[in-house]
Amino acid sequence: MALSVEQTARLFLNARQAFMEAETAKKEAEVELRKALASQGVKECVVDEVSVQIVDVVTVTYDADKLAQVVKPTVFRKVTKAVVDKELMKSAITVGLIDQVTADEVSTVKPTTQVRVYALSPEAKKSQTAEDKTPHKTPKSA
């Protein structure tokens, strides 16, 4: 038996809530795990044949401005990417720094869909409930 749209939406909302709670619980558990391991002076614990470890990781970042000063421009172009900041672009269009025609020429519009969740105001919720109780009429054929 297929679920109704409302039942499916409710499943989605419940899963979304569970996901957010699980993310929060995971973050809290990680903090406690780090404390517990540190208190024992270890970086690993084995539970149910699964090793849980605190691993030291080295992350490297590069200063693009400094790099541009010390390498040839052709080398710099080979190792960097130019990326347009959407918010700065919108701002530049708004203040007239870039005209809309130019913006349209250099942009690609790709329609997508998203599931969004909005809390209804009490008034909107009452209206929605009233609409749900109103029988929907099908148009008559001519």
Protein backbone atom coordinates (compact mmCIF):
# COMPACT_ATOMS: atom_id res chain seq x y z
CA MET A 1 0.00 0.00 0.00
CA ALA A 2 1.41 3.37 -1.04
CA LEU A 3 1.75 6.08 1.55
CA SER A 4 -0.04 9.39 1.18
CA VAL A 5 1.90 12.57 0.55
CA GLU A 6 1.30 13.63 4.15
CA GLN A 7 2.51 10.27 5.51
CA THR A 8 5.61 10.43 3.32
CA ALA A 9 6.30 14.03 4.38
CA ARG A 10 5.92 12.99 8.02
CA LEU A 11 8.44 10.14 7.45
CA PHE A 12 10.83 12.69 5.94
CA LEU A 13 10.41 15.10 8.86
CA ASN A 14 10.91 12.31 11.40
CA ALA A 15 14.05 11.11 9.61
CA ARG A 16 15.33 14.69 9.37
CA GLN A 17 14.78 15.19 13.11
CA ALA A 18 16.47 11.88 13.92
CA PHE A 19 19.42 12.85 11.71
CA MET A 20 19.85 16.22 13.46
CA GLU A 21 19.63 14.55 16.89
CA ALA A 22 22.10 11.86 15.82
CA GLU A 23 24.55 14.52 14.56
CA THR A 24 24.34 16.33 17.89
CA ALA A 25 24.73 13.08 19.84
CA LYS A 26 27.76 12.13 17.70
CA LYS A 27 29.46 15.47 18.37
CA GLU A 28 28.82 15.16 22.11
CA ALA A 29 30.03 11.55 22.12
CA GLU A 30 33.23 12.57 20.32
CA VAL A 31 33.97 15.19 22.96
CA GLU A 32 33.44 12.60 25.71
CA LEU A 33 35.52 10.02 23.82
CA ARG A 34 38.41 12.45 23.51
CA LYS A 35 38.21 13.21 27.24
CA ALA A 36 38.06 9.52 28.19
CA LEU A 37 40.98 8.54 25.98
CA ALA A 38 43.04 11.51 27.20
CA SER A 39 42.32 10.64 30.84
CA GLN A 40 43.77 7.15 30.20
CA GLY A 41 46.68 8.48 28.16
CA VAL A 42 45.72 6.43 25.10
CA LYS A 43 44.57 7.23 21.58
CA GLU A 44 42.72 4.01 20.82
CA CYS A 45 39.95 1.83 22.18
CA VAL A 46 38.64 -1.45 20.77
CA VAL A 47 34.91 -2.10 21.13
CA ASP A 48 33.16 -5.10 19.54
CA GLU A 49 36.17 -5.74 17.30
CA VAL A 50 36.13 -2.14 16.05
CA SER A 51 39.08 0.14 16.72
CA VAL A 52 38.17 3.73 17.58
CA GLN A 53 41.23 5.96 17.31
CA ILE A 54 42.29 9.56 17.67
CA VAL A 55 44.60 10.09 14.70
CA ASP A 56 46.95 13.03 14.19
CA VAL A 57 46.41 14.52 10.74
CA VAL A 58 48.47 17.20 9.03
CA THR A 59 46.52 19.60 6.84
CA VAL A 60 48.39 21.78 4.37
CA THR A 61 47.11 25.13 3.12
CA TYR A 62 48.85 27.46 0.69
CA ASP A 63 48.91 31.25 0.61
CA ALA A 64 47.93 32.13 -2.97
CA ASP A 65 49.17 35.73 -2.71
CA LYS A 66 52.63 34.66 -1.56
CA LEU A 67 52.78 31.89 -4.17
CA ALA A 68 51.92 34.37 -6.93
CA GLN A 69 54.89 36.49 -5.85
CA VAL A 70 57.46 33.67 -5.95
CA VAL A 71 56.52 31.62 -9.04
CA LYS A 72 56.08 32.48 -12.70
CA PRO A 73 52.53 33.50 -13.72
CA THR A 74 52.23 30.43 -15.98
CA VAL A 75 53.06 28.14 -13.06
CA PHE A 76 50.64 30.01 -10.80
CA ARG A 77 47.82 29.58 -13.34
CA LYS A 78 48.55 25.84 -13.57
CA VAL A 79 48.11 25.29 -9.82
CA THR A 80 45.20 27.61 -9.06
CA LYS A 81 41.53 27.92 -9.97
CA ALA A 82 39.54 31.10 -10.41
CA VAL A 83 36.18 30.80 -8.69
CA VAL A 84 33.45 33.43 -8.71
CA ASP A 85 31.98 34.15 -5.29
CA LYS A 86 28.19 34.13 -5.82
CA GLU A 87 27.42 36.63 -3.06
CA LEU A 88 30.08 39.08 -4.23
CA MET A 89 28.82 38.70 -7.82
CA LYS A 90 25.24 39.46 -6.76
CA SER A 91 26.48 42.49 -4.86
CA ALA A 92 28.49 43.72 -7.87
CA ILE A 93 25.39 43.44 -10.05
CA THR A 94 23.24 45.23 -7.47
CA VAL A 95 25.59 48.21 -7.19
CA GLY A 96 26.12 48.39 -10.95
CA LEU A 97 29.75 47.29 -11.00
CA ILE A 98 28.73 44.51 -13.40
CA ASP A 99 25.72 45.00 -15.64
CA GLN A 100 23.00 42.35 -15.88
CA VAL A 101 23.70 41.67 -19.58
CA THR A 102 27.31 40.75 -18.76
CA ALA A 103 26.20 38.67 -15.79
CA ASP A 104 23.74 36.79 -18.01
CA GLU A 105 26.45 36.14 -20.62
CA VAL A 106 28.80 34.55 -18.10
CA SER A 107 26.27 32.59 -16.08
CA THR A 108 24.73 29.16 -16.47
CA VAL A 109 21.33 28.56 -14.94
CA LYS A 110 20.61 25.00 -13.91
CA PRO A 111 17.18 24.31 -12.41
CA THR A 112 17.16 21.86 -9.51
CA THR A 113 14.71 20.84 -6.82
CA GLN A 114 15.15 20.87 -3.07
CA VAL A 115 13.07 19.71 -0.16
CA ARG A 116 12.62 22.63 2.21
CA VAL A 117 10.86 22.69 5.55
CA TYR A 118 9.15 25.75 6.96
CA ALA A 119 7.35 26.11 10.27
CA LEU A 120 3.87 27.44 9.64
CA SER A 121 2.56 30.32 11.71
CA PRO A 122 -0.47 29.42 13.85
CA GLU A 123 -2.69 31.35 11.42
CA ALA A 124 -1.27 29.60 8.37
CA LYS A 125 -1.55 26.25 10.13
CA LYS A 126 -5.26 26.87 10.83
CA SER A 127 -5.77 27.84 7.18
CA GLN A 128 -3.90 24.71 6.01
CA THR A 129 -6.02 22.50 8.31
CA ALA A 130 -9.20 24.10 6.99
CA GLU A 131 -8.07 23.49 3.39
CA ASP A 132 -7.32 19.85 4.18
CA LYS A 133 -10.86 19.38 5.47
CA THR A 134 -12.44 21.06 2.44
CA PRO A 135 -13.39 18.50 -0.20
CA HIS A 136 -11.54 19.10 -3.45
CA LYS A 137 -13.80 19.50 -6.45
CA THR A 138 -12.77 18.21 -9.82
CA PRO A 139 -13.48 20.50 -12.76
CA LYS A 140 -16.38 19.51 -14.97
CA SER A 141 -15.65 18.58 -18.53
CA ALA A 142 -17.20 20.77 -21.22
